Amino acid sequence: MLLIKKTQDLKLDKVSMKENENDYKDTYKGFTKLVIWGTTAVVAILAILALTLL
């Protein structure tokens, strides 16, 4: 009975680790999108400022 309980606990740990890995991947995807959009916005602002100085 104890062996069955330990096996079930290990299965639950694997499932929770998968969920944590998926959360990590979602966070990483969101962060990379933020960096790309932020960089694009800065470049656009700099280009507009450069054009106003001409």
C-alpha atoms as a PDB file:
ATOM      1  CA  MET A   1       0.000   0.000   0.000  1.00  0.00           C
ATOM      2  CA  LEU A   2       2.858   2.377   0.827  1.00  0.00           C
ATOM      3  CA  LEU A   3       4.520   1.647  -2.528  1.00  0.00           C
ATOM      4  CA  ILE A   4       1.316   2.560  -4.383  1.00  0.00           C
ATOM      5  CA  LYS A   5       1.082   5.822  -2.434  1.00  0.00           C
ATOM      6  CA  LYS A   6       4.683   6.741  -3.281  1.00  0.00           C
ATOM      7  CA  THR A   7       4.102   5.943  -6.960  1.00  0.00           C
ATOM      8  CA  GLN A   8       1.034   8.184  -7.030  1.00  0.00           C
ATOM      9  CA  ASP A   9       2.978  10.982  -5.342  1.00  0.00           C
ATOM     10  CA  LEU A  10       5.727  10.708  -7.957  1.00  0.00           C
ATOM     11  CA  LYS A  11       3.165  10.906 -10.742  1.00  0.00           C
ATOM     12  CA  LEU A  12       1.665  14.018  -9.173  1.00  0.00           C
ATOM     13  CA  ASP A  13       5.143  15.558  -8.868  1.00  0.00           C
ATOM     14  CA  LYS A  14       5.802  14.905 -12.561  1.00  0.00           C
ATOM     15  CA  VAL A  15       2.494  16.525 -13.512  1.00  0.00           C
ATOM     16  CA  SER A  16       3.203  19.599 -11.384  1.00  0.00           C
ATOM     17  CA  MET A  17       6.700  19.848 -12.870  1.00  0.00           C
ATOM     18  CA  LYS A  18       5.196  19.815 -16.364  1.00  0.00           C
ATOM     19  CA  GLU A  19       2.835  22.625 -15.364  1.00  0.00           C
ATOM     20  CA  ASN A  20       5.751  24.615 -13.959  1.00  0.00           C
ATOM     21  CA  GLU A  21       7.693  24.067 -17.177  1.00  0.00           C
ATOM     22  CA  ASN A  22       4.732  25.271 -19.244  1.00  0.00           C
ATOM     23  CA  ASP A  23       4.384  28.353 -17.015  1.00  0.00           C
ATOM     24  CA  TYR A  24       8.091  29.041 -17.496  1.00  0.00           C
ATOM     25  CA  LYS A  25       7.768  28.761 -21.276  1.00  0.00           C
ATOM     26  CA  ASP A  26       4.726  31.074 -21.320  1.00  0.00           C
ATOM     27  CA  THR A  27       6.579  33.626 -19.199  1.00  0.00           C
ATOM     28  CA  TYR A  28       9.592  33.445 -21.502  1.00  0.00           C
ATOM     29  CA  LYS A  29       7.429  33.938 -24.598  1.00  0.00           C
ATOM     30  CA  GLY A  30       5.738  36.958 -23.020  1.00  0.00           C
ATOM     31  CA  PHE A  31       9.081  38.452 -21.991  1.00  0.00           C
ATOM     32  CA  THR A  32      10.580  38.070 -25.471  1.00  0.00           C
ATOM     33  CA  LYS A  33       7.513  39.722 -27.019  1.00  0.00           C
ATOM     34  CA  LEU A  34       7.849  42.594 -24.545  1.00  0.00           C
ATOM     35  CA  VAL A  35      11.530  43.055 -25.406  1.00  0.00           C
ATOM     36  CA  ILE A  36      10.857  43.005 -29.153  1.00  0.00           C
ATOM     37  CA  TRP A  37       7.991  45.511 -28.915  1.00  0.00           C
ATOM     38  CA  GLY A  38       9.974  47.718 -26.542  1.00  0.00           C
ATOM     39  CA  THR A  39      12.996  47.752 -28.829  1.00  0.00           C
ATOM     40  CA  THR A  40      10.809  48.512 -31.841  1.00  0.00           C
ATOM     41  CA  ALA A  41       9.172  51.393 -29.989  1.00  0.00           C
ATOM     42  CA  VAL A  42      12.542  52.885 -28.990  1.00  0.00           C
ATOM     43  CA  VAL A  43      13.862  52.635 -32.561  1.00  0.00           C
ATOM     44  CA  ALA A  44      10.687  54.259 -33.893  1.00  0.00           C
ATOM     45  CA  ILE A  45      10.947  57.120 -31.404  1.00  0.00           C
ATOM     46  CA  LEU A  46      14.613  57.657 -32.243  1.00  0.00           C
ATOM     47  CA  ALA A  47      13.817  57.684 -35.969  1.00  0.00           C
ATOM     48  CA  ILE A  48      11.049  60.255 -35.466  1.00  0.00           C
ATOM     49  CA  LEU A  49      13.378  62.436 -33.372  1.00  0.00           C
ATOM     50  CA  ALA A  50      16.124  62.171 -36.003  1.00  0.00           C
ATOM     51  CA  LEU A  51      13.684  63.209 -38.751  1.00  0.00           C
ATOM     52  CA  THR A  52      12.581  66.249 -36.764  1.00  0.00           C
ATOM     53  CA  LEU A  53      16.184  67.402 -36.477  1.00  0.00           C
ATOM     54  CA  LEU A  54      16.735  67.399 -40.244  1.00  0.00           C
END
